[in-house]
C-alpha atoms as a PDB file:
ATOM      1  CA  MET A   1      81.617  66.870 114.027  1.00  0.00           C
ATOM      2  CA  SER A   2      78.747  69.340 114.177  1.00  0.00           C
ATOM      3  CA  GLU A   3      77.395  71.025 111.063  1.00  0.00           C
ATOM      4  CA  LEU A   4      79.017  74.324 112.060  1.00  0.00           C
ATOM      5  CA  ASN A   5      82.392  72.571 112.107  1.00  0.00           C
ATOM      6  CA  ALA A   6      81.993  70.607 108.875  1.00  0.00           C
ATOM      7  CA  PRO A   7      84.016  72.215 106.075  1.00  0.00           C
ATOM      8  CA  PHE A   8      82.102  72.340 102.791  1.00  0.00           C
ATOM      9  CA  SER A   9      79.797  69.390 103.504  1.00  0.00           C
ATOM     10  CA  GLY A  10      77.364  71.125 105.854  1.00  0.00           C
ATOM     11  CA  GLY A  11      74.891  73.870 105.195  1.00  0.00           C
ATOM     12  CA  PRO A  12      71.491  75.191 106.139  1.00  0.00           C
ATOM     13  CA  THR A  13      68.291  73.775 104.690  1.00  0.00           C
ATOM     14  CA  LEU A  14      66.461  76.588 102.911  1.00  0.00           C
ATOM     15  CA  ASN A  15      62.717  77.109 103.270  1.00  0.00           C
ATOM     16  CA  ASP A  16      62.141  75.140 100.050  1.00  0.00           C
ATOM     17  CA  GLY A  17      64.015  72.084 101.339  1.00  0.00           C
ATOM     18  CA  VAL A  18      67.214  72.676  99.360  1.00  0.00           C
ATOM     19  CA  THR A  19      70.551  72.534 101.221  1.00  0.00           C
ATOM     20  CA  MET A  20      72.993  75.366 100.523  1.00  0.00           C
ATOM     21  CA  PRO A  21      76.673  75.377 101.593  1.00  0.00           C
ATOM     22  CA  TRP A  22      77.717  77.718 104.411  1.00  0.00           C
ATOM     23  CA  LEU A  23      80.694  78.942 102.385  1.00  0.00           C
ATOM     24  CA  GLY A  24      80.897  80.030  98.773  1.00  0.00           C
ATOM     25  CA  LEU A  25      83.299  81.831  96.475  1.00  0.00           C
ATOM     26  CA  GLY A  26      82.179  85.273  95.376  1.00  0.00           C
ATOM     27  CA  VAL A  27      83.435  86.454  91.982  1.00  0.00           C
ATOM     28  CA  TYR A  28      82.409  90.131  92.010  1.00  0.00           C
ATOM     29  CA  GLN A  29      84.990  92.240  90.121  1.00  0.00           C
ATOM     30  CA  THR A  30      86.784  89.076  88.974  1.00  0.00           C
ATOM     31  CA  LYS A  31      87.703  89.405  85.312  1.00  0.00           C
ATOM     32  CA  ASP A  32      86.069  87.055  82.831  1.00  0.00           C
ATOM     33  CA  GLY A  33      88.407  84.595  81.171  1.00  0.00           C
ATOM     34  CA  GLU A  34      91.487  83.161  82.826  1.00  0.00           C
ATOM     35  CA  GLU A  35      91.180  85.085  86.105  1.00  0.00           C
ATOM     36  CA  VAL A  36      87.705  83.866  87.010  1.00  0.00           C
ATOM     37  CA  ILE A  37      88.319  80.378  85.560  1.00  0.00           C
ATOM     38  CA  HIS A  38      91.419  79.984  87.735  1.00  0.00           C
ATOM     39  CA  ALA A  39      89.678  81.322  90.858  1.00  0.00           C
ATOM     40  CA  VAL A  40      86.697  78.988  90.500  1.00  0.00           C
ATOM     41  CA  LYS A  41      88.811  75.928  89.695  1.00  0.00           C
ATOM     42  CA  THR A  42      91.092  76.674  92.637  1.00  0.00           C
ATOM     43  CA  ALA A  43      88.156  77.030  94.991  1.00  0.00           C
ATOM     44  CA  VAL A  44      86.602  73.754  93.801  1.00  0.00           C
ATOM     45  CA  GLU A  45      89.937  71.950  94.184  1.00  0.00           C
ATOM     46  CA  LEU A  46      90.114  73.220  97.774  1.00  0.00           C
ATOM     47  CA  GLY A  47      86.643  71.871  98.507  1.00  0.00           C
ATOM     48  CA  TYR A  48      84.314  74.797  97.788  1.00  0.00           C
ATOM     49  CA  ARG A  49      81.042  73.733  96.206  1.00  0.00           C
ATOM     50  CA  SER A  50      79.170  77.067  96.042  1.00  0.00           C
ATOM     51  CA  ILE A  51      79.979  79.753  93.449  1.00  0.00           C
ATOM     52  CA  ASP A  52      78.244  83.138  93.429  1.00  0.00           C
ATOM     53  CA  THR A  53      78.149  85.214  90.244  1.00  0.00           C
ATOM     54  CA  ALA A  54      75.735  87.649  88.602  1.00  0.00           C
ATOM     55  CA  ALA A  55      74.854  88.885  85.132  1.00  0.00           C
ATOM     56  CA  GLY A  56      76.170  92.267  86.217  1.00  0.00           C
ATOM     57  CA  TYR A  57      79.597  90.844  87.024  1.00  0.00           C
ATOM     58  CA  ASN A  58      80.163  90.082  83.323  1.00  0.00           C
ATOM     59  CA  ASN A  59      81.935  86.804  84.066  1.00  0.00           C
ATOM     60  CA  GLU A  60      79.231  84.147  83.752  1.00  0.00           C
ATOM     61  CA  GLU A  61      80.910  82.601  80.689  1.00  0.00           C
ATOM     62  CA  GLY A  62      84.174  82.076  82.553  1.00  0.00           C
ATOM     63  CA  VAL A  63      82.361  80.660  85.559  1.00  0.00           C
ATOM     64  CA  GLY A  64      80.533  78.261  83.259  1.00  0.00           C
ATOM     65  CA  GLN A  65      83.762  77.126  81.627  1.00  0.00           C
ATOM     66  CA  ALA A  66      85.338  76.509  85.030  1.00  0.00           C
ATOM     67  CA  ILE A  67      82.309  74.468  86.099  1.00  0.00           C
ATOM     68  CA  ARG A  68      82.615  72.280  83.008  1.00  0.00           C
ATOM     69  CA  GLU A  69      86.350  71.790  83.449  1.00  0.00           C
ATOM     70  CA  CYS A  70      86.621  71.448  87.246  1.00  0.00           C
ATOM     71  CA  GLY A  71      86.098  67.700  87.366  1.00  0.00           C
ATOM     72  CA  VAL A  72      83.280  67.801  89.920  1.00  0.00           C
ATOM     73  CA  ALA A  73      79.810  66.577  89.003  1.00  0.00           C
ATOM     74  CA  ARG A  74      77.269  69.311  88.340  1.00  0.00           C
ATOM     75  CA  ASP A  75      74.883  68.061  91.019  1.00  0.00           C
ATOM     76  CA  GLU A  76      77.605  68.490  93.646  1.00  0.00           C
ATOM     77  CA  LEU A  77      77.902  72.210  92.878  1.00  0.00           C
ATOM     78  CA  PHE A  78      75.649  75.076  93.958  1.00  0.00           C
ATOM     79  CA  ILE A  79      75.618  77.921  91.422  1.00  0.00           C
ATOM     80  CA  THR A  80      74.067  81.315  92.089  1.00  0.00           C
ATOM     81  CA  THR A  81      73.527  84.122  89.605  1.00  0.00           C
ATOM     82  CA  LYS A  82      71.408  87.277  89.581  1.00  0.00           C
ATOM     83  CA  VAL A  83      69.251  89.346  87.248  1.00  0.00           C
ATOM     84  CA  ARG A  84      70.715  92.757  86.367  1.00  0.00           C
ATOM     85  CA  ASN A  85      68.852  95.935  87.276  1.00  0.00           C
ATOM     86  CA  PRO A  86      68.252  97.052  83.647  1.00  0.00           C
ATOM     87  CA  ASP A  87      66.714  93.648  82.883  1.00  0.00           C
ATOM     88  CA  GLN A  88      64.125  93.721  85.650  1.00  0.00           C
ATOM     89  CA  GLY A  89      60.416  93.435  84.915  1.00  0.00           C
ATOM     90  CA  TYR A  90      58.461  90.268  84.109  1.00  0.00           C
ATOM     91  CA  GLU A  91      59.157  89.540  80.435  1.00  0.00           C
ATOM     92  CA  SER A  92      62.634  91.062  80.438  1.00  0.00           C
ATOM     93  CA  THR A  93      63.628  88.931  83.436  1.00  0.00           C
ATOM     94  CA  LEU A  94      62.545  85.766  81.608  1.00  0.00           C
ATOM     95  CA  LYS A  95      64.762  86.738  78.672  1.00  0.00           C
ATOM     96  CA  ALA A  96      67.660  87.761  80.913  1.00  0.00           C
ATOM     97  CA  PHE A  97      67.543  84.441  82.714  1.00  0.00           C
ATOM     98  CA  GLU A  98      67.949  82.575  79.425  1.00  0.00           C
ATOM     99  CA  VAL A  99      70.973  84.728  78.575  1.00  0.00           C
ATOM    100  CA  SER A 100      72.578  83.892  81.928  1.00  0.00           C
ATOM    101  CA  ARG A 101      71.777  80.203  81.608  1.00  0.00           C
ATOM    102  CA  ARG A 102      73.269  80.132  78.102  1.00  0.00           C
ATOM    103  CA  LYS A 103      76.440  81.944  79.203  1.00  0.00           C
ATOM    104  CA  LEU A 104      76.867  79.592  82.146  1.00  0.00           C
ATOM    105  CA  GLY A 105      76.099  76.599  79.921  1.00  0.00           C
ATOM    106  CA  LEU A 106      73.840  75.044  82.549  1.00  0.00           C
ATOM    107  CA  GLU A 107      70.509  73.239  82.289  1.00  0.00           C
ATOM    108  CA  TYR A 108      69.391  74.750  85.591  1.00  0.00           C
ATOM    109  CA  ILE A 109      70.512  77.339  88.135  1.00  0.00           C
ATOM    110  CA  ASP A 110      70.618  76.406  91.817  1.00  0.00           C
ATOM    111  CA  LEU A 111      69.766  79.887  93.093  1.00  0.00           C
ATOM    112  CA  TYR A 112      68.578  82.898  91.096  1.00  0.00           C
ATOM    113  CA  LEU A 113      68.392  86.266  92.826  1.00  0.00           C
ATOM    114  CA  ILE A 114      66.967  89.707  92.139  1.00  0.00           C
ATOM    115  CA  HIS A 115      70.186  91.717  92.414  1.00  0.00           C
ATOM    116  CA  TRP A 116      68.699  94.964  93.763  1.00  0.00           C
ATOM    117  CA  PRO A 117      65.156  96.112  94.620  1.00  0.00           C
ATOM    118  CA  VAL A 118      64.652  98.391  91.616  1.00  0.00           C
ATOM    119  CA  ALA A 119      61.682 100.644  92.382  1.00  0.00           C
ATOM    120  CA  GLY A 120      58.609  99.880  90.311  1.00  0.00           C
ATOM    121  CA  LYS A 121      60.065  96.638  88.953  1.00  0.00           C
ATOM    122  CA  TYR A 122      61.060  94.219  91.693  1.00  0.00           C
ATOM    123  CA  ARG A 123      57.514  92.979  92.334  1.00  0.00           C
ATOM    124  CA  GLU A 124      57.088  91.848  88.698  1.00  0.00           C
ATOM    125  CA  THR A 125      60.631  90.516  88.643  1.00  0.00           C
ATOM    126  CA  TRP A 126      59.795  88.317  91.632  1.00  0.00           C
ATOM    127  CA  LYS A 127      56.770  86.905  89.783  1.00  0.00           C
ATOM    128  CA  ALA A 128      59.056  86.024  86.876  1.00  0.00           C
ATOM    129  CA  LEU A 129      61.379  84.127  89.228  1.00  0.00           C
ATOM    130  CA  ILE A 130      58.401  82.198  90.607  1.00  0.00           C
ATOM    131  CA  HIS A 131      57.439  81.253  87.035  1.00  0.00           C
ATOM    132  CA  LEU A 132      60.973  80.097  86.187  1.00  0.00           C
ATOM    133  CA  GLN A 133      61.090  77.960  89.302  1.00  0.00           C
ATOM    134  CA  LYS A 134      57.770  76.330  88.404  1.00  0.00           C
ATOM    135  CA  GLU A 135      59.234  75.559  84.971  1.00  0.00           C
ATOM    136  CA  GLY A 136      62.050  73.655  86.670  1.00  0.00           C
ATOM    137  CA  LEU A 137      64.788  75.979  85.415  1.00  0.00           C
ATOM    138  CA  ILE A 138      65.730  77.236  88.884  1.00  0.00           C
ATOM    139  CA  LYS A 139      65.893  75.143  92.044  1.00  0.00           C
ATOM    140  CA  SER A 140      65.641  78.058  94.504  1.00  0.00           C
ATOM    141  CA  ILE A 141      64.702  81.726  94.204  1.00  0.00           C
ATOM    142  CA  GLY A 142      65.715  84.625  96.366  1.00  0.00           C
ATOM    143  CA  VAL A 143      66.698  88.253  96.530  1.00  0.00           C
ATOM    144  CA  SER A 144      69.688  90.447  97.222  1.00  0.00           C
ATOM    145  CA  ASN A 145      69.939  93.802  98.989  1.00  0.00           C
ATOM    146  CA  PHE A 146      66.285  93.789 100.051  1.00  0.00           C
ATOM    147  CA  GLN A 147      65.221  95.720 103.122  1.00  0.00           C
ATOM    148  CA  ILE A 148      62.371  94.527 105.328  1.00  0.00           C
ATOM    149  CA  HIS A 149      59.781  96.624 103.470  1.00  0.00           C
ATOM    150  CA  HIS A 150      60.882  95.187 100.111  1.00  0.00           C
ATOM    151  CA  LEU A 151      60.559  91.665 101.466  1.00  0.00           C
ATOM    152  CA  LYS A 152      57.096  92.394 102.828  1.00  0.00           C
ATOM    153  CA  ASP A 153      56.010  93.723  99.419  1.00  0.00           C
ATOM    154  CA  ILE A 154      56.842  90.574  97.475  1.00  0.00           C
ATOM    155  CA  ILE A 155      55.595  88.207 100.174  1.00  0.00           C
ATOM    156  CA  GLU A 156      52.262  90.042 100.396  1.00  0.00           C
ATOM    157  CA  ASP A 157      51.966  90.053  96.585  1.00  0.00           C
ATOM    158  CA  THR A 158      52.675  86.379  96.010  1.00  0.00           C
ATOM    159  CA  SER A 159      52.750  84.507  99.345  1.00  0.00           C
ATOM    160  CA  VAL A 160      56.100  83.143  98.154  1.00  0.00           C
ATOM    161  CA  VAL A 161      58.886  83.756 100.666  1.00  0.00           C
ATOM    162  CA  PRO A 162      62.431  84.129  99.250  1.00  0.00           C
ATOM    163  CA  VAL A 163      64.804  81.406 100.395  1.00  0.00           C
ATOM    164  CA  VAL A 164      67.770  83.804 100.617  1.00  0.00           C
ATOM    165  CA  ASN A 165      68.418  87.513 101.070  1.00  0.00           C
ATOM    166  CA  GLN A 166      72.013  88.282 100.137  1.00  0.00           C
ATOM    167  CA  VAL A 167      73.067  91.564 101.735  1.00  0.00           C
ATOM    168  CA  GLU A 168      76.092  93.535 102.828  1.00  0.00           C
ATOM    169  CA  PHE A 169      76.815  92.118 106.281  1.00  0.00           C
ATOM    170  CA  HIS A 170      79.947  92.458 108.409  1.00  0.00           C
ATOM    171  CA  PRO A 171      81.072  93.691 111.851  1.00  0.00           C
ATOM    172  CA  LEU A 172      80.545  97.352 110.892  1.00  0.00           C
ATOM    173  CA  LEU A 173      77.068  96.630 109.451  1.00  0.00           C
ATOM    174  CA  THR A 174      75.399  93.955 111.550  1.00  0.00           C
ATOM    175  CA  GLN A 175      71.838  94.444 110.208  1.00  0.00           C
ATOM    176  CA  ARG A 176      70.227  93.218 113.449  1.00  0.00           C
ATOM    177  CA  GLU A 177      66.623  94.048 112.548  1.00  0.00           C
ATOM    178  CA  LEU A 178      66.955  92.552 109.086  1.00  0.00           C
ATOM    179  CA  LEU A 179      68.521  89.379 110.470  1.00  0.00           C
ATOM    180  CA  LYS A 180      65.766  89.086 113.081  1.00  0.00           C
ATOM    181  CA  TYR A 181      63.037  89.509 110.459  1.00  0.00           C
ATOM    182  CA  ALA A 182      64.718  87.026 108.113  1.00  0.00           C
ATOM    183  CA  ASN A 183      64.928  84.427 110.865  1.00  0.00           C
ATOM    184  CA  GLU A 184      61.276  84.952 111.735  1.00  0.00           C
ATOM    185  CA  GLN A 185      60.235  84.474 108.096  1.00  0.00           C
ATOM    186  CA  GLY A 186      62.523  81.539 107.361  1.00  0.00           C
ATOM    187  CA  ILE A 187      64.698  83.577 104.992  1.00  0.00           C
ATOM    188  CA  GLN A 188      68.375  82.623 104.988  1.00  0.00           C
ATOM    189  CA  LEU A 189      70.645  85.660 105.257  1.00  0.00           C
ATOM    190  CA  GLU A 190      73.804  85.567 103.138  1.00  0.00           C
ATOM    191  CA  ALA A 191      76.687  88.009 103.552  1.00  0.00           C
ATOM    192  CA  TRP A 192      78.365  89.798 100.685  1.00  0.00           C
ATOM    193  CA  SER A 193      81.491  91.832 101.412  1.00  0.00           C
ATOM    194  CA  PRO A 194      81.850  89.901 104.692  1.00  0.00           C
ATOM    195  CA  LEU A 195      85.496  90.958 104.981  1.00  0.00           C
ATOM    196  CA  MET A 196      84.710  94.663 104.594  1.00  0.00           C
ATOM    197  CA  GLN A 197      86.685  94.883 101.341  1.00  0.00           C
ATOM    198  CA  GLY A 198      89.852  94.045 103.251  1.00  0.00           C
ATOM    199  CA  ASN A 199      89.333  96.635 105.984  1.00  0.00           C
ATOM    200  CA  LEU A 200      90.162  94.179 108.773  1.00  0.00           C
ATOM    201  CA  ASP A 201      92.631  96.381 110.640  1.00  0.00           C
ATOM    202  CA  LEU A 202      90.497  96.637 113.766  1.00  0.00           C
ATOM    203  CA  PRO A 203      92.113  96.161 117.206  1.00  0.00           C
ATOM    204  CA  LEU A 204      89.454  93.707 118.397  1.00  0.00           C
ATOM    205  CA  LEU A 205      89.837  91.487 115.342  1.00  0.00           C
ATOM    206  CA  LYS A 206      93.621  91.457 115.787  1.00  0.00           C
ATOM    207  CA  GLU A 207      93.208  90.609 119.467  1.00  0.00           C
ATOM    208  CA  LEU A 208      90.830  87.736 118.733  1.00  0.00           C
ATOM    209  CA  ALA A 209      93.061  86.482 115.925  1.00  0.00           C
ATOM    210  CA  GLY A 210      95.869  86.151 118.451  1.00  0.00           C
ATOM    211  CA  LYS A 211      93.603  84.541 121.032  1.00  0.00           C
ATOM    212  CA  TYR A 212      92.321  81.831 118.669  1.00  0.00           C
ATOM    213  CA  GLY A 213      95.432  81.421 116.524  1.00  0.00           C
ATOM    214  CA  LYS A 214      93.529  82.524 113.415  1.00  0.00           C
ATOM    215  CA  THR A 215      93.577  85.437 110.974  1.00  0.00           C
ATOM    216  CA  PRO A 216      91.219  88.413 111.332  1.00  0.00           C
ATOM    217  CA  ALA A 217      89.422  87.194 108.187  1.00  0.00           C
ATOM    218  CA  GLN A 218      88.828  83.773 109.717  1.00  0.00           C
ATOM    219  CA  ILE A 219      87.519  85.401 112.907  1.00  0.00           C
ATOM    220  CA  VAL A 220      84.953  87.404 110.925  1.00  0.00           C
ATOM    221  CA  LEU A 221      83.859  84.453 108.792  1.00  0.00           C
ATOM    222  CA  ARG A 222      83.429  82.294 111.899  1.00  0.00           C
ATOM    223  CA  TRP A 223      81.360  85.112 113.417  1.00  0.00           C
ATOM    224  CA  ASP A 224      79.092  84.971 110.354  1.00  0.00           C
ATOM    225  CA  LEU A 225      78.713  81.228 110.694  1.00  0.00           C
ATOM    226  CA  GLN A 226      77.825  81.277 114.380  1.00  0.00           C
ATOM    227  CA  GLN A 227      74.984  83.669 113.615  1.00  0.00           C
ATOM    228  CA  GLY A 228      73.662  81.308 110.968  1.00  0.00           C
ATOM    229  CA  VAL A 229      74.687  83.587 108.088  1.00  0.00           C
ATOM    230  CA  ILE A 230      76.026  82.111 104.834  1.00  0.00           C
ATOM    231  CA  THR A 231      79.173  83.846 103.647  1.00  0.00           C
ATOM    232  CA  ILE A 232      80.772  84.312 100.208  1.00  0.00           C
ATOM    233  CA  PRO A 233      84.176  86.028 100.497  1.00  0.00           C
ATOM    234  CA  LYS A 234      85.795  86.862  97.171  1.00  0.00           C
ATOM    235  CA  SER A 235      89.397  86.343  96.171  1.00  0.00           C
ATOM    236  CA  VAL A 236      91.409  85.377  93.102  1.00  0.00           C
ATOM    237  CA  HIS A 237      94.462  84.238  95.092  1.00  0.00           C
ATOM    238  CA  ALA A 238      94.825  80.563  95.960  1.00  0.00           C
ATOM    239  CA  ASP A 239      96.351  81.199  99.393  1.00  0.00           C
ATOM    240  CA  ARG A 240      93.550  83.589 100.342  1.00  0.00           C
ATOM    241  CA  ILE A 241      90.834  81.277  99.000  1.00  0.00           C
ATOM    242  CA  LYS A 242      92.327  78.538 101.183  1.00  0.00           C
ATOM    243  CA  GLU A 243      92.651  80.843 104.204  1.00  0.00           C
ATOM    244  CA  ASN A 244      89.022  81.925 103.866  1.00  0.00           C
ATOM    245  CA  ALA A 245      87.919  78.319 104.293  1.00  0.00           C
ATOM    246  CA  GLY A 246      89.827  77.880 107.548  1.00  0.00           C
ATOM    247  CA  PHE A 247      87.101  78.845 110.006  1.00  0.00           C
ATOM    248  CA  PHE A 248      85.338  75.526 110.559  1.00  0.00           C
ATOM    249  CA  ASP A 249      87.729  74.125 113.188  1.00  0.00           C
ATOM    250  CA  PHE A 250      87.219  76.530 116.095  1.00  0.00           C
ATOM    251  CA  THR A 251      84.386  78.249 117.944  1.00  0.00           C
ATOM    252  CA  LEU A 252      84.143  81.834 119.189  1.00  0.00           C
ATOM    253  CA  SER A 253      82.884  82.298 122.726  1.00  0.00           C
ATOM    254  CA  ASP A 254      79.496  83.972 123.181  1.00  0.00           C
ATOM    255  CA  GLU A 255      81.295  86.959 124.686  1.00  0.00           C
ATOM    256  CA  ASP A 256      83.531  87.341 121.655  1.00  0.00           C
ATOM    257  CA  VAL A 257      80.586  87.026 119.256  1.00  0.00           C
ATOM    258  CA  LYS A 258      78.895  89.863 121.170  1.00  0.00           C
ATOM    259  CA  ALA A 259      82.078  91.953 121.183  1.00  0.00           C
ATOM    260  CA  ILE A 260      82.298  91.728 117.389  1.00  0.00           C
ATOM    261  CA  GLU A 261      78.616  92.620 117.088  1.00  0.00           C
ATOM    262  CA  ASP A 262      79.280  95.718 119.192  1.00  0.00           C
ATOM    263  CA  LEU A 263      81.648  97.012 116.489  1.00  0.00           C
ATOM    264  CA  ASN A 264      78.561  97.913 114.453  1.00  0.00           C
ATOM    265  CA  ARG A 265      78.448 101.457 113.049  1.00  0.00           C
ATOM    266  CA  ASP A 266      75.751 100.874 110.399  1.00  0.00           C
ATOM    267  CA  TYR A 267      78.541 101.580 107.936  1.00  0.00           C
ATOM    268  CA  ARG A 268      78.152 100.518 104.305  1.00  0.00           C
ATOM    269  CA  PHE A 269      80.992  99.976 101.848  1.00  0.00           C
ATOM    270  CA  GLY A 270      78.389  99.445  99.110  1.00  0.00           C
ATOM    271  CA  PRO A 271      75.194 101.326  98.152  1.00  0.00           C
ATOM    272  CA  ASP A 272      72.194 101.791 100.389  1.00  0.00           C
ATOM    273  CA  PRO A 273      69.331  99.712  98.920  1.00  0.00           C
ATOM    274  CA  ASP A 274      66.906 102.563  99.600  1.00  0.00           C
ATOM    275  CA  ASN A 275      69.110 105.182  97.946  1.00  0.00           C
ATOM    276  CA  PHE A 276      70.808 103.886  94.846  1.00  0.00           C
ATOM    277  CA  ASN A 277      70.561 104.767  91.170  1.00  0.00           C
ATOM    278  CA  PHE A 278      72.046 102.213  88.810  1.00  0.00           C
END
């Protein structure tokens, strides 16, 4: 079985030598407490090993409780969290990281990301992440929602290349130039909102779902995978969490991959990283 057909066990090797799973559970807008605890435990029971949260999601405590109670060894899990925009800057990022680590109840974080490229702050925030990694508190450091010019800024400043850039990525926003640049620099692209917030009612996706005997969601997630993009669909429902993992046992033809790519409209469901204010 090839890596692209290995559920949960396979994953790309990041530019720092760490292996990250192809599939993770996103917990954006999942309520802290029982809702997020149940979602994470369900995902782990189904085989997921990567969980993606953020300080700004306000559910790190629940994620941490689920990690402790899930019955899987810590070193088998890959936990991502992110620094909030108001906490960016060098010293404030160091403090914010400790708050996240305490809420999660973890000795280390597998992947820590700058959540958004806050103007005037993200360069110093990146230096703080480098420091935390050197201290052994974070295994891998990366960014989220960075455009090419943001990436160039921090690489030129520090010569440290992020391992991951987590961005909005789906058939209506294919980010071709960003993906090309990331591949050239050895930055792993990771898709948030891969299922377009449930807006899967596109004729092509329905057609391909029928052709391959899969759901439109599974078609899109397989499309991510075949482009070498990590994906973290979110759900709190056990049947959907299970369905979202069902894309490792088939392969889209090159023609169908291209057809999905051609759906691109440069359409964002979330904010534009160059024009946001929060």
